[in-house]
Amino acid sequence: MINNELKKISGVVLAIGLNDKEQKVLEKNSKIEECYLLNSNSPSSNFTKGYSKTINIRKIKRIFRKKSFDYIVGNFEELKPYLRSFIKNSIYLNRGTCYFYNIKDFDIDELKKRYVRYNSKVEIKKNIIIVNNEKAKTNIILNLFYYVCDFIYDAVDYIGNMFIN
């Protein structure tokens, strides 16, 4: 399903945590101008445009400061630990669409709520979440407020899970 979406994309792409199958689909797509692969499990190749080292997802905004991406494609299982900081960074870096796949054991409504507060449109297809960031807006003060709210929500959720177990 994600392979069909990868065949349609064009422009500048940031891909995080893709498998070999998805990487091959991206390599065959001739409409892609530049593609940056951030994988923790793949060797470097000529397709990565020089980014073969491990990059902390929390610092992705600092590394790609002057870069703007048309598409961000991410394996949700690799992004889940960094979700609190990745959402605001993806709004900042992306001027097009985000695709998240491989979603298991996560409250999709919570992710949808976190993106909608930035005026993004979220669409859910089977195992893929498509976030349209064309009209998304950010604000430094609101970003800090959302970050604190997300931290408190995650802390309460973690403590609740500890008491249940």
N, C-alpha and C. Protein backbone atom coordinates (compact mmCIF):
# COMPACT_ATOMS: atom_id res chain seq x y z
N MET A 1 0.83 -1.20 0.00
CA MET A 1 0.00 0.00 0.00
C MET A 1 0.87 1.26 0.00
N ILE A 2 1.92 1.27 0.83
CA ILE A 2 2.80 2.44 0.86
C ILE A 2 3.59 2.55 -0.44
N ASN A 3 3.85 1.41 -1.07
CA ASN A 3 4.60 1.44 -2.33
C ASN A 3 3.84 2.20 -3.41
N ASN A 4 2.51 2.09 -3.44
CA ASN A 4 1.71 2.84 -4.41
C ASN A 4 1.84 4.34 -4.18
N GLU A 5 1.87 4.76 -2.92
CA GLU A 5 2.02 6.18 -2.60
C GLU A 5 3.42 6.67 -2.95
N LEU A 6 4.44 5.82 -2.74
CA LEU A 6 5.82 6.21 -3.04
C LEU A 6 6.05 6.38 -4.54
N LYS A 7 5.30 5.65 -5.36
CA LYS A 7 5.45 5.79 -6.80
C LYS A 7 4.91 7.13 -7.30
N LYS A 8 3.97 7.73 -6.56
CA LYS A 8 3.32 8.97 -7.00
C LYS A 8 4.08 10.23 -6.60
N ILE A 9 4.96 10.15 -5.61
CA ILE A 9 5.56 11.37 -5.06
C ILE A 9 6.65 11.92 -5.98
N SER A 10 6.89 13.23 -5.83
CA SER A 10 7.92 13.90 -6.63
C SER A 10 8.49 15.04 -5.82
N GLY A 11 9.65 15.53 -6.22
CA GLY A 11 10.27 16.65 -5.53
C GLY A 11 11.33 16.19 -4.55
N VAL A 12 11.44 16.91 -3.44
CA VAL A 12 12.43 16.63 -2.41
C VAL A 12 11.78 15.79 -1.31
N VAL A 13 12.41 14.67 -0.96
CA VAL A 13 11.81 13.70 -0.05
C VAL A 13 12.75 13.43 1.12
N LEU A 14 12.18 13.36 2.32
CA LEU A 14 12.89 12.89 3.51
C LEU A 14 12.25 11.58 3.92
N ALA A 15 13.04 10.51 3.94
CA ALA A 15 12.53 9.18 4.28
C ALA A 15 13.21 8.70 5.56
N ILE A 16 12.40 8.26 6.52
CA ILE A 16 12.92 7.85 7.82
C ILE A 16 12.51 6.41 8.09
N GLY A 17 13.49 5.55 8.26
CA GLY A 17 13.24 4.17 8.67
C GLY A 17 12.60 3.29 7.62
N LEU A 18 12.92 3.48 6.36
CA LEU A 18 12.33 2.66 5.31
C LEU A 18 13.02 1.31 5.22
N ASN A 19 12.26 0.31 4.79
CA ASN A 19 12.82 -1.02 4.53
C ASN A 19 13.44 -1.03 3.14
N ASP A 20 14.09 -2.14 2.81
CA ASP A 20 14.75 -2.25 1.50
C ASP A 20 13.76 -2.16 0.35
N LYS A 21 12.57 -2.75 0.54
CA LYS A 21 11.56 -2.71 -0.52
C LYS A 21 11.16 -1.28 -0.86
N GLU A 22 10.89 -0.50 0.17
CA GLU A 22 10.47 0.89 -0.05
C GLU A 22 11.62 1.73 -0.62
N GLN A 23 12.85 1.44 -0.20
CA GLN A 23 14.00 2.17 -0.74
C GLN A 23 14.16 1.92 -2.24
N LYS A 24 13.93 0.68 -2.66
CA LYS A 24 14.04 0.37 -4.08
C LYS A 24 12.97 1.08 -4.90
N VAL A 25 11.76 1.20 -4.31
CA VAL A 25 10.69 1.92 -5.00
C VAL A 25 11.07 3.39 -5.16
N LEU A 26 11.66 3.98 -4.12
CA LEU A 26 12.10 5.38 -4.21
C LEU A 26 13.22 5.55 -5.24
N GLU A 27 14.14 4.60 -5.30
CA GLU A 27 15.25 4.69 -6.24
C GLU A 27 14.76 4.61 -7.69
N LYS A 28 13.70 3.84 -7.92
CA LYS A 28 13.17 3.71 -9.28
C LYS A 28 12.32 4.90 -9.70
N ASN A 29 11.86 5.69 -8.74
CA ASN A 29 11.01 6.84 -9.05
C ASN A 29 11.88 7.96 -9.63
N SER A 30 11.64 8.29 -10.89
CA SER A 30 12.47 9.29 -11.56
C SER A 30 12.00 10.72 -11.29
N LYS A 31 10.83 10.90 -10.68
CA LYS A 31 10.30 12.24 -10.41
C LYS A 31 10.89 12.85 -9.14
N ILE A 32 11.64 12.08 -8.39
CA ILE A 32 12.24 12.58 -7.15
C ILE A 32 13.53 13.32 -7.48
N GLU A 33 13.60 14.59 -7.05
CA GLU A 33 14.80 15.40 -7.31
C GLU A 33 15.91 15.05 -6.32
N GLU A 34 15.59 15.07 -5.03
CA GLU A 34 16.54 14.72 -3.99
C GLU A 34 15.84 13.84 -2.97
N CYS A 35 16.58 12.91 -2.40
CA CYS A 35 16.01 12.04 -1.38
C CYS A 35 17.02 11.87 -0.26
N TYR A 36 16.62 12.16 0.96
CA TYR A 36 17.47 11.99 2.13
C TYR A 36 16.92 10.83 2.93
N LEU A 37 17.74 9.79 3.10
CA LEU A 37 17.34 8.60 3.84
C LEU A 37 17.98 8.63 5.21
N LEU A 38 17.15 8.52 6.23
CA LEU A 38 17.65 8.43 7.60
C LEU A 38 17.25 7.06 8.13
N ASN A 39 18.17 6.11 8.01
CA ASN A 39 17.90 4.76 8.45
C ASN A 39 18.95 4.33 9.45
N SER A 40 18.50 3.62 10.45
CA SER A 40 19.45 3.12 11.43
C SER A 40 19.92 1.72 11.08
N ASN A 41 19.30 1.10 10.06
CA ASN A 41 19.61 -0.30 9.77
C ASN A 41 20.12 -0.55 8.36
N SER A 42 20.46 0.48 7.61
CA SER A 42 20.91 0.23 6.25
C SER A 42 22.29 0.85 6.02
N PRO A 43 23.10 0.21 5.17
CA PRO A 43 24.39 0.80 4.84
C PRO A 43 24.20 2.01 3.94
N SER A 44 25.24 2.83 3.85
CA SER A 44 25.13 4.03 3.02
C SER A 44 25.16 3.65 1.55
N SER A 45 24.49 4.43 0.75
CA SER A 45 24.50 4.21 -0.69
C SER A 45 24.63 5.56 -1.39
N ASN A 46 24.76 5.53 -2.69
CA ASN A 46 24.88 6.77 -3.46
C ASN A 46 23.57 7.55 -3.48
N PHE A 47 22.46 6.89 -3.18
CA PHE A 47 21.14 7.51 -3.24
C PHE A 47 20.88 8.41 -2.04
N THR A 48 21.65 8.28 -0.96
CA THR A 48 21.37 9.03 0.26
C THR A 48 21.91 10.45 0.22
N LYS A 49 22.63 10.83 -0.81
CA LYS A 49 23.15 12.19 -0.96
C LYS A 49 24.04 12.60 0.21
N GLY A 50 24.83 11.66 0.74
CA GLY A 50 25.81 12.03 1.74
C GLY A 50 25.37 11.88 3.18
N TYR A 51 24.12 11.56 3.42
CA TYR A 51 23.66 11.41 4.80
C TYR A 51 23.62 9.93 5.16
N SER A 52 24.76 9.35 5.47
CA SER A 52 24.81 7.95 5.83
C SER A 52 25.04 7.77 7.32
N LYS A 53 25.31 8.83 8.04
CA LYS A 53 25.55 8.71 9.47
C LYS A 53 24.22 8.72 10.22
N THR A 54 24.25 8.27 11.44
CA THR A 54 23.05 8.24 12.26
C THR A 54 22.74 9.64 12.75
N ILE A 55 21.51 10.07 12.55
CA ILE A 55 21.08 11.40 12.96
C ILE A 55 19.97 11.26 13.98
N ASN A 56 20.09 11.97 15.07
CA ASN A 56 19.07 11.96 16.09
C ASN A 56 17.83 12.67 15.56
N ILE A 57 16.68 12.03 15.66
CA ILE A 57 15.45 12.59 15.11
C ILE A 57 15.05 13.85 15.86
N ARG A 58 15.44 13.96 17.12
CA ARG A 58 15.12 15.17 17.87
C ARG A 58 15.84 16.40 17.32
N LYS A 59 16.98 16.18 16.66
CA LYS A 59 17.78 17.29 16.13
C LYS A 59 17.61 17.47 14.62
N ILE A 60 16.56 16.91 14.08
CA ILE A 60 16.36 16.94 12.63
C ILE A 60 16.13 18.36 12.12
N LYS A 61 15.50 19.19 12.93
CA LYS A 61 15.23 20.57 12.52
C LYS A 61 16.53 21.36 12.42
N ARG A 62 17.46 21.10 13.31
CA ARG A 62 18.74 21.81 13.32
C ARG A 62 19.60 21.38 12.13
N ILE A 63 19.53 20.11 11.77
CA ILE A 63 20.36 19.60 10.69
C ILE A 63 19.86 20.08 9.32
N PHE A 64 18.54 20.05 9.13
CA PHE A 64 17.95 20.45 7.85
C PHE A 64 17.34 21.85 7.96
N ARG A 65 18.02 22.75 8.60
CA ARG A 65 17.50 24.08 8.91
C ARG A 65 17.01 24.83 7.67
N LYS A 66 17.79 24.85 6.63
CA LYS A 66 17.44 25.65 5.46
C LYS A 66 16.85 24.80 4.34
N LYS A 67 16.48 23.59 4.65
CA LYS A 67 15.93 22.67 3.67
C LYS A 67 14.42 22.59 3.86
N SER A 68 13.69 22.51 2.78
CA SER A 68 12.24 22.33 2.85
C SER A 68 11.89 21.11 2.00
N PHE A 69 11.08 20.24 2.55
CA PHE A 69 10.76 18.98 1.90
C PHE A 69 9.34 19.01 1.35
N ASP A 70 9.17 18.38 0.19
CA ASP A 70 7.83 18.23 -0.37
C ASP A 70 7.10 17.07 0.31
N TYR A 71 7.84 16.03 0.63
CA TYR A 71 7.25 14.85 1.24
C TYR A 71 8.15 14.33 2.35
N ILE A 72 7.52 13.83 3.41
CA ILE A 72 8.22 13.10 4.46
C ILE A 72 7.54 11.75 4.56
N VAL A 73 8.32 10.69 4.45
CA VAL A 73 7.81 9.33 4.56
C VAL A 73 8.49 8.69 5.75
N GLY A 74 7.70 8.15 6.69
CA GLY A 74 8.30 7.60 7.89
C GLY A 74 7.69 6.30 8.35
N ASN A 75 8.55 5.42 8.84
CA ASN A 75 8.12 4.20 9.50
C ASN A 75 7.74 4.60 10.92
N PHE A 76 6.47 4.42 11.27
CA PHE A 76 5.98 4.95 12.53
C PHE A 76 6.61 4.26 13.74
N GLU A 77 7.00 3.01 13.60
CA GLU A 77 7.62 2.30 14.73
C GLU A 77 8.95 2.93 15.12
N GLU A 78 9.69 3.47 14.15
CA GLU A 78 10.95 4.14 14.47
C GLU A 78 10.73 5.56 14.97
N LEU A 79 9.63 6.18 14.57
CA LEU A 79 9.35 7.56 14.97
C LEU A 79 8.63 7.66 16.31
N LYS A 80 8.02 6.59 16.76
CA LYS A 80 7.17 6.65 17.96
C LYS A 80 7.89 7.18 19.20
N PRO A 81 9.12 6.80 19.50
CA PRO A 81 9.77 7.35 20.70
C PRO A 81 10.05 8.85 20.61
N TYR A 82 10.13 9.39 19.41
CA TYR A 82 10.47 10.80 19.21
C TYR A 82 9.28 11.62 18.76
N LEU A 83 8.09 11.11 18.94
CA LEU A 83 6.90 11.73 18.36
C LEU A 83 6.65 13.13 18.88
N ARG A 84 6.93 13.37 20.14
CA ARG A 84 6.66 14.68 20.74
C ARG A 84 7.42 15.79 20.01
N SER A 85 8.68 15.56 19.71
CA SER A 85 9.46 16.58 19.02
C SER A 85 9.34 16.48 17.50
N PHE A 86 9.04 15.29 16.99
CA PHE A 86 8.99 15.11 15.54
C PHE A 86 7.81 15.83 14.91
N ILE A 87 6.69 15.92 15.61
CA ILE A 87 5.50 16.55 15.03
C ILE A 87 5.77 18.01 14.71
N LYS A 88 6.32 18.75 15.68
CA LYS A 88 6.58 20.17 15.41
C LYS A 88 7.69 20.35 14.37
N ASN A 89 8.67 19.45 14.36
CA ASN A 89 9.74 19.54 13.36
C ASN A 89 9.22 19.21 11.96
N SER A 90 8.31 18.26 11.86
CA SER A 90 7.77 17.91 10.55
C SER A 90 6.90 19.03 9.99
N ILE A 91 6.20 19.75 10.87
CA ILE A 91 5.42 20.91 10.42
C ILE A 91 6.37 21.99 9.89
N TYR A 92 7.49 22.19 10.59
CA TYR A 92 8.46 23.21 10.20
C TYR A 92 9.17 22.87 8.88
N LEU A 93 9.53 21.60 8.70
CA LEU A 93 10.33 21.20 7.55
C LEU A 93 9.51 20.89 6.30
N ASN A 94 8.26 20.53 6.47
CA ASN A 94 7.48 20.01 5.36
C ASN A 94 6.52 21.06 4.83
N ARG A 95 6.48 21.20 3.52
CA ARG A 95 5.52 22.11 2.89
C ARG A 95 4.49 21.33 2.08
N GLY A 96 4.53 20.02 2.17
CA GLY A 96 3.63 19.18 1.39
C GLY A 96 2.90 18.16 2.24
N THR A 97 3.28 16.90 2.09
CA THR A 97 2.54 15.81 2.70
C THR A 97 3.49 14.90 3.48
N CYS A 98 3.00 14.39 4.61
CA CYS A 98 3.71 13.38 5.40
C CYS A 98 2.96 12.06 5.28
N TYR A 99 3.71 10.99 5.10
CA TYR A 99 3.14 9.64 5.09
C TYR A 99 3.75 8.86 6.24
N PHE A 100 2.89 8.27 7.07
CA PHE A 100 3.34 7.38 8.14
C PHE A 100 2.74 6.01 7.90
N TYR A 101 3.56 4.99 7.95
CA TYR A 101 3.06 3.63 7.78
C TYR A 101 3.60 2.75 8.90
N ASN A 102 3.15 1.49 8.93
CA ASN A 102 3.55 0.52 9.94
C ASN A 102 3.10 0.98 11.34
N ILE A 103 1.84 1.32 11.45
CA ILE A 103 1.29 1.82 12.71
C ILE A 103 0.67 0.66 13.46
N LYS A 104 1.21 0.38 14.63
CA LYS A 104 0.70 -0.70 15.49
C LYS A 104 0.66 -0.19 16.92
N ASP A 105 -0.37 -0.55 17.63
CA ASP A 105 -0.49 -0.26 19.07
C ASP A 105 -0.29 1.21 19.40
N PHE A 106 -0.98 2.08 18.67
CA PHE A 106 -0.92 3.50 18.98
C PHE A 106 -2.29 4.11 18.74
N ASP A 107 -2.64 5.07 19.57
CA ASP A 107 -3.91 5.76 19.45
C ASP A 107 -3.83 6.74 18.28
N ILE A 108 -4.45 6.38 17.19
CA ILE A 108 -4.39 7.20 15.98
C ILE A 108 -5.09 8.54 16.19
N ASP A 109 -6.14 8.54 17.01
CA ASP A 109 -6.85 9.79 17.28
C ASP A 109 -5.96 10.80 18.00
N GLU A 110 -5.06 10.31 18.85
CA GLU A 110 -4.13 11.21 19.55
C GLU A 110 -3.16 11.85 18.55
N LEU A 111 -2.65 11.07 17.62
CA LEU A 111 -1.77 11.61 16.58
C LEU A 111 -2.52 12.62 15.71
N LYS A 112 -3.75 12.28 15.37
CA LYS A 112 -4.57 13.19 14.56
C LYS A 112 -4.81 14.50 15.30
N LYS A 113 -5.08 14.43 16.60
CA LYS A 113 -5.31 15.64 17.40
C LYS A 113 -4.06 16.51 17.44
N ARG A 114 -2.89 15.89 17.54
CA ARG A 114 -1.64 16.65 17.62
C ARG A 114 -1.33 17.37 16.31
N TYR A 115 -1.72 16.81 15.18
CA TYR A 115 -1.48 17.47 13.90
C TYR A 115 -2.56 18.50 13.58
N VAL A 116 -3.80 18.23 13.96
CA VAL A 116 -4.90 19.14 13.62
C VAL A 116 -4.74 20.48 14.33
N ARG A 117 -4.12 20.53 15.48
CA ARG A 117 -3.95 21.80 16.18
C ARG A 117 -3.01 22.75 15.44
N TYR A 118 -2.27 22.26 14.45
CA TYR A 118 -1.45 23.11 13.59
C TYR A 118 -2.15 23.43 12.26
N ASN A 119 -3.43 23.15 12.15
CA ASN A 119 -4.25 23.35 10.95
C ASN A 119 -3.84 22.43 9.81
N SER A 120 -3.37 21.24 10.13
CA SER A 120 -3.05 20.23 9.12
C SER A 120 -4.28 19.35 8.90
N LYS A 121 -4.37 18.81 7.71
CA LYS A 121 -5.46 17.88 7.40
C LYS A 121 -4.91 16.46 7.49
N VAL A 122 -5.60 15.62 8.25
CA VAL A 122 -5.15 14.25 8.47
C VAL A 122 -6.15 13.29 7.84
N GLU A 123 -5.63 12.37 7.03
CA GLU A 123 -6.46 11.36 6.38
C GLU A 123 -5.89 9.99 6.75
N ILE A 124 -6.78 9.06 7.06
CA ILE A 124 -6.35 7.73 7.48
C ILE A 124 -6.81 6.71 6.45
N LYS A 125 -5.85 5.99 5.87
CA LYS A 125 -6.14 4.89 4.96
C LYS A 125 -5.53 3.64 5.58
N LYS A 126 -6.24 2.57 5.58
CA LYS A 126 -5.88 1.28 6.16
C LYS A 126 -4.74 1.34 7.17
N ASN A 127 -3.52 1.24 6.72
CA ASN A 127 -2.38 1.23 7.63
C ASN A 127 -1.46 2.43 7.38
N ILE A 128 -1.99 3.48 6.73
CA ILE A 128 -1.20 4.66 6.40
C ILE A 128 -1.93 5.90 6.89
N ILE A 129 -1.18 6.80 7.49
CA ILE A 129 -1.72 8.11 7.87
C ILE A 129 -1.10 9.14 6.93
N ILE A 130 -1.96 9.93 6.29
CA ILE A 130 -1.51 10.96 5.35
C ILE A 130 -1.83 12.31 5.97
N VAL A 131 -0.78 13.12 6.19
CA VAL A 131 -0.93 14.43 6.81
C VAL A 131 -0.58 15.49 5.76
N ASN A 132 -1.54 16.36 5.47
CA ASN A 132 -1.33 17.43 4.50
C ASN A 132 -0.95 18.70 5.27
N ASN A 133 0.27 19.17 5.09
CA ASN A 133 0.80 20.32 5.83
C ASN A 133 0.86 21.60 5.01
N GLU A 134 0.11 21.68 3.93
CA GLU A 134 0.21 22.86 3.07
C GLU A 134 -0.26 24.13 3.77
N LYS A 135 -1.28 24.05 4.61
CA LYS A 135 -1.81 25.23 5.29
C LYS A 135 -1.46 25.26 6.77
N ALA A 136 -0.49 24.48 7.17
CA ALA A 136 -0.10 24.42 8.58
C ALA A 136 0.67 25.67 8.99
N LYS A 137 0.42 26.11 10.22
CA LYS A 137 1.10 27.29 10.75
C LYS A 137 1.70 26.95 12.11
N THR A 138 2.85 27.54 12.38
CA THR A 138 3.51 27.32 13.67
C THR A 138 3.68 28.64 14.39
N ASN A 139 3.85 28.53 15.70
CA ASN A 139 4.07 29.68 16.55
C ASN A 139 4.99 29.22 17.67
N ILE A 140 6.01 29.98 17.99
CA ILE A 140 7.00 29.57 18.98
C ILE A 140 6.37 29.34 20.34
N ILE A 141 5.51 30.24 20.77
CA ILE A 141 4.89 30.12 22.09
C ILE A 141 3.94 28.92 22.13
N LEU A 142 3.14 28.76 21.08
CA LEU A 142 2.23 27.62 21.04
C LEU A 142 2.99 26.30 20.94
N ASN A 143 4.11 26.29 20.21
CA ASN A 143 4.92 25.08 20.13
C ASN A 143 5.40 24.66 21.52
N LEU A 144 5.86 25.62 22.30
CA LEU A 144 6.30 25.32 23.66
C LEU A 144 5.14 24.81 24.52
N PHE A 145 3.99 25.45 24.40
CA PHE A 145 2.81 25.03 25.15
C PHE A 145 2.40 23.61 24.76
N TYR A 146 2.36 23.31 23.46
CA TYR A 146 2.00 21.97 23.00
C TYR A 146 3.02 20.93 23.46
N TYR A 147 4.29 21.31 23.46
CA TYR A 147 5.34 20.39 23.90
C TYR A 147 5.15 20.02 25.37
N VAL A 148 4.84 21.01 26.21
CA VAL A 148 4.61 20.75 27.64
C VAL A 148 3.35 19.91 27.82
N CYS A 149 2.30 20.23 27.10
CA CYS A 149 1.06 19.44 27.20
C CYS A 149 1.29 17.99 26.78
N ASP A 150 2.02 17.79 25.70
CA ASP A 150 2.32 16.43 25.25
C ASP A 150 3.18 15.69 26.26
N PHE A 151 4.13 16.39 26.87
CA PHE A 151 4.97 15.77 27.88
C PHE A 151 4.13 15.32 29.08
N ILE A 152 3.23 16.17 29.54
CA ILE A 152 2.37 15.81 30.67
C ILE A 152 1.46 14.64 30.30
N TYR A 153 0.90 14.67 29.10
CA TYR A 153 0.04 13.58 28.65
C TYR A 153 0.81 12.26 28.61
N ASP A 154 2.02 12.28 28.05
CA ASP A 154 2.84 11.06 27.97
C ASP A 154 3.24 10.58 29.36
N ALA A 155 3.56 11.51 30.27
CA ALA A 155 3.94 11.13 31.63
C ALA A 155 2.78 10.47 32.36
N VAL A 156 1.60 11.05 32.26
CA VAL A 156 0.42 10.46 32.91
C VAL A 156 0.10 9.10 32.31
N ASP A 157 0.24 8.98 31.01
CA ASP A 157 0.00 7.70 30.35
C ASP A 157 1.01 6.65 30.81
N TYR A 158 2.27 7.04 30.92
CA TYR A 158 3.31 6.11 31.38
C TYR A 158 3.07 5.67 32.82
N ILE A 159 2.72 6.61 33.70
CA ILE A 159 2.46 6.28 35.10
C ILE A 159 1.23 5.38 35.20
N GLY A 160 0.21 5.66 34.41
CA GLY A 160 -0.98 4.81 34.40
C GLY A 160 -0.66 3.40 33.96
N ASN A 161 0.18 3.26 32.95
CA ASN A 161 0.59 1.93 32.50
C ASN A 161 1.40 1.20 33.56
N MET A 162 2.22 1.93 34.32
CA MET A 162 3.00 1.30 35.40
C MET A 162 2.08 0.76 36.47
N PHE A 163 1.05 1.52 36.86
CA PHE A 163 0.13 1.07 37.90
C PHE A 163 -0.71 -0.12 37.43
N ILE A 164 -1.07 -0.15 36.18
CA ILE A 164 -1.86 -1.26 35.66
C ILE A 164 -1.04 -2.54 35.63
N ASN A 165 0.23 -2.43 35.27
CA ASN A 165 1.08 -3.62 35.22
C ASN A 165 1.51 -3.99 36.61
